């Protein structure tokens, strides 16, 4: 069961840029470690109990590196007010 801490997954294809949640875990291909222990994917934690406030960012372009790794760019936002406006409208 995934935690309730929001994270973004960096991986190939349709998984890049998605939230790490129960839906993503159900859709992982057979053989992929659900914790990414073998380097199948990386995560970016942007909020949680130890954070004073969420890390403010917006999604950028999803790009293919080395013809095999797809990453979604995470673009820093100036402040948490911009983050809150973006997260409630889109």
C-alpha atoms as a PDB file:
ATOM      1  CA  UNK A   1       0.000   0.000   0.000  1.00  0.00           C
ATOM      2  CA  UNK A   2       1.570   3.323  -1.026  1.00  0.00           C
ATOM      3  CA  UNK A   3       1.906   6.109   1.473  1.00  0.00           C
ATOM      4  CA  UNK A   4      -0.292   9.180   1.380  1.00  0.00           C
ATOM      5  CA  UNK A   5       2.780  11.343   0.705  1.00  0.00           C
ATOM      6  CA  UNK A   6       2.489  12.854  -2.793  1.00  0.00           C
ATOM      7  CA  UNK A   7       5.230  11.856  -5.210  1.00  0.00           C
ATOM      8  CA  UNK A   8       5.821  12.108  -8.942  1.00  0.00           C
ATOM      9  CA  UNK A   9       7.126   9.102 -10.858  1.00  0.00           C
ATOM     10  CA  UNK A  10       9.888   9.482 -13.425  1.00  0.00           C
ATOM     11  CA  UNK A  11       9.823   6.499 -15.761  1.00  0.00           C
ATOM     12  CA  UNK A  12       9.179   5.435 -19.304  1.00  0.00           C
ATOM     13  CA  UNK A  13       6.071   5.992 -21.382  1.00  0.00           C
ATOM     14  CA  UNK A  14       2.755   6.781 -19.799  1.00  0.00           C
ATOM     15  CA  UNK A  15       4.124   6.417 -16.260  1.00  0.00           C
ATOM     16  CA  UNK A  16       6.355   9.496 -16.367  1.00  0.00           C
ATOM     17  CA  UNK A  17       4.914  12.393 -14.408  1.00  0.00           C
ATOM     18  CA  UNK A  18       2.189  10.378 -12.707  1.00  0.00           C
ATOM     19  CA  UNK A  19       1.414  10.274  -9.032  1.00  0.00           C
ATOM     20  CA  UNK A  20       2.611   7.190  -7.153  1.00  0.00           C
ATOM     21  CA  UNK A  21      -0.666   5.697  -6.002  1.00  0.00           C
ATOM     22  CA  UNK A  22      -2.648   2.454  -5.957  1.00  0.00           C
ATOM     23  CA  UNK A  23      -3.743   2.915  -9.576  1.00  0.00           C
ATOM     24  CA  UNK A  24      -0.146   3.214 -10.746  1.00  0.00           C
ATOM     25  CA  UNK A  25       0.844   0.129  -8.742  1.00  0.00           C
ATOM     26  CA  UNK A  26      -1.917  -1.930 -10.366  1.00  0.00           C
ATOM     27  CA  UNK A  27      -0.804  -0.808 -13.830  1.00  0.00           C
ATOM     28  CA  UNK A  28       2.920  -1.529 -13.438  1.00  0.00           C
ATOM     29  CA  UNK A  29       4.133  -4.199 -15.873  1.00  0.00           C
ATOM     30  CA  UNK A  30       4.979  -7.649 -14.526  1.00  0.00           C
ATOM     31  CA  UNK A  31       8.516  -7.772 -13.186  1.00  0.00           C
ATOM     32  CA  UNK A  32       8.719  -4.098 -12.189  1.00  0.00           C
ATOM     33  CA  UNK A  33       9.549  -3.708  -8.519  1.00  0.00           C
ATOM     34  CA  UNK A  34       6.772  -1.576  -6.957  1.00  0.00           C
ATOM     35  CA  UNK A  35       9.405   0.312  -4.935  1.00  0.00           C
ATOM     36  CA  UNK A  36      11.671   0.897  -7.937  1.00  0.00           C
ATOM     37  CA  UNK A  37      14.460  -0.984  -6.145  1.00  0.00           C
ATOM     38  CA  UNK A  38      16.103  -2.026  -9.414  1.00  0.00           C
ATOM     39  CA  UNK A  39      16.115   1.472 -10.907  1.00  0.00           C
ATOM     40  CA  UNK A  40      12.860   1.027 -12.843  1.00  0.00           C
ATOM     41  CA  UNK A  41      11.693   4.468 -11.784  1.00  0.00           C
ATOM     42  CA  UNK A  42      12.548   7.408  -9.550  1.00  0.00           C
ATOM     43  CA  UNK A  43      10.273   9.523  -7.414  1.00  0.00           C
ATOM     44  CA  UNK A  44      10.132  13.141  -6.301  1.00  0.00           C
ATOM     45  CA  UNK A  45       8.443  13.774  -2.953  1.00  0.00           C
ATOM     46  CA  UNK A  46       6.954  17.254  -2.871  1.00  0.00           C
ATOM     47  CA  UNK A  47       4.873  17.239   0.312  1.00  0.00           C
ATOM     48  CA  UNK A  48       4.670  15.389   3.580  1.00  0.00           C
ATOM     49  CA  UNK A  49       4.550  15.666   7.357  1.00  0.00           C
ATOM     50  CA  UNK A  50       8.170  16.838   7.645  1.00  0.00           C
ATOM     51  CA  UNK A  51       7.668  19.635   5.093  1.00  0.00           C
ATOM     52  CA  UNK A  52       6.780  23.100   6.339  1.00  0.00           C
ATOM     53  CA  UNK A  53       4.832  23.542   3.072  1.00  0.00           C
ATOM     54  CA  UNK A  54       4.686  21.714  -0.280  1.00  0.00           C
ATOM     55  CA  UNK A  55       7.475  22.260  -2.804  1.00  0.00           C
ATOM     56  CA  UNK A  56       5.914  24.569  -5.379  1.00  0.00           C
ATOM     57  CA  UNK A  57       6.341  23.308  -8.960  1.00  0.00           C
ATOM     58  CA  UNK A  58       4.503  22.814 -12.194  1.00  0.00           C
ATOM     59  CA  UNK A  59       4.862  20.076 -14.796  1.00  0.00           C
ATOM     60  CA  UNK A  60       7.032  20.842 -17.766  1.00  0.00           C
ATOM     61  CA  UNK A  61       7.648  18.895 -20.920  1.00  0.00           C
ATOM     62  CA  UNK A  62       8.095  15.121 -20.833  1.00  0.00           C
ATOM     63  CA  UNK A  63      11.332  14.362 -22.666  1.00  0.00           C
ATOM     64  CA  UNK A  64      13.060  11.187 -23.862  1.00  0.00           C
ATOM     65  CA  UNK A  65      16.740  10.780 -22.904  1.00  0.00           C
ATOM     66  CA  UNK A  66      19.115   8.323 -24.556  1.00  0.00           C
ATOM     67  CA  UNK A  67      16.205   6.936 -26.548  1.00  0.00           C
ATOM     68  CA  UNK A  68      14.999   4.976 -23.508  1.00  0.00           C
ATOM     69  CA  UNK A  69      14.351   7.121 -20.419  1.00  0.00           C
ATOM     70  CA  UNK A  70      11.375   9.476 -20.256  1.00  0.00           C
ATOM     71  CA  UNK A  71      11.360  12.251 -17.678  1.00  0.00           C
ATOM     72  CA  UNK A  72       8.810  14.943 -16.953  1.00  0.00           C
ATOM     73  CA  UNK A  73      10.462  18.235 -16.175  1.00  0.00           C
ATOM     74  CA  UNK A  74       9.449  19.787 -12.872  1.00  0.00           C
ATOM     75  CA  UNK A  75       9.622  23.571 -13.004  1.00  0.00           C
ATOM     76  CA  UNK A  76      10.013  25.428  -9.702  1.00  0.00           C
ATOM     77  CA  UNK A  77       7.395  28.038  -8.915  1.00  0.00           C
ATOM     78  CA  UNK A  78       8.152  31.278  -7.111  1.00  0.00           C
ATOM     79  CA  UNK A  79       6.016  30.708  -4.028  1.00  0.00           C
ATOM     80  CA  UNK A  80       3.423  28.478  -2.428  1.00  0.00           C
ATOM     81  CA  UNK A  81       0.617  30.858  -3.427  1.00  0.00           C
ATOM     82  CA  UNK A  82       1.340  30.200  -7.115  1.00  0.00           C
ATOM     83  CA  UNK A  83       1.481  26.471  -6.347  1.00  0.00           C
ATOM     84  CA  UNK A  84      -1.881  26.516  -4.614  1.00  0.00           C
ATOM     85  CA  UNK A  85      -3.470  28.461  -7.491  1.00  0.00           C
ATOM     86  CA  UNK A  86      -2.057  26.022 -10.074  1.00  0.00           C
ATOM     87  CA  UNK A  87      -3.068  22.927  -8.108  1.00  0.00           C
ATOM     88  CA  UNK A  88      -6.662  24.093  -7.690  1.00  0.00           C
ATOM     89  CA  UNK A  89      -7.100  25.096 -11.331  1.00  0.00           C
ATOM     90  CA  UNK A  90      -5.425  22.492 -13.288  1.00  0.00           C
END
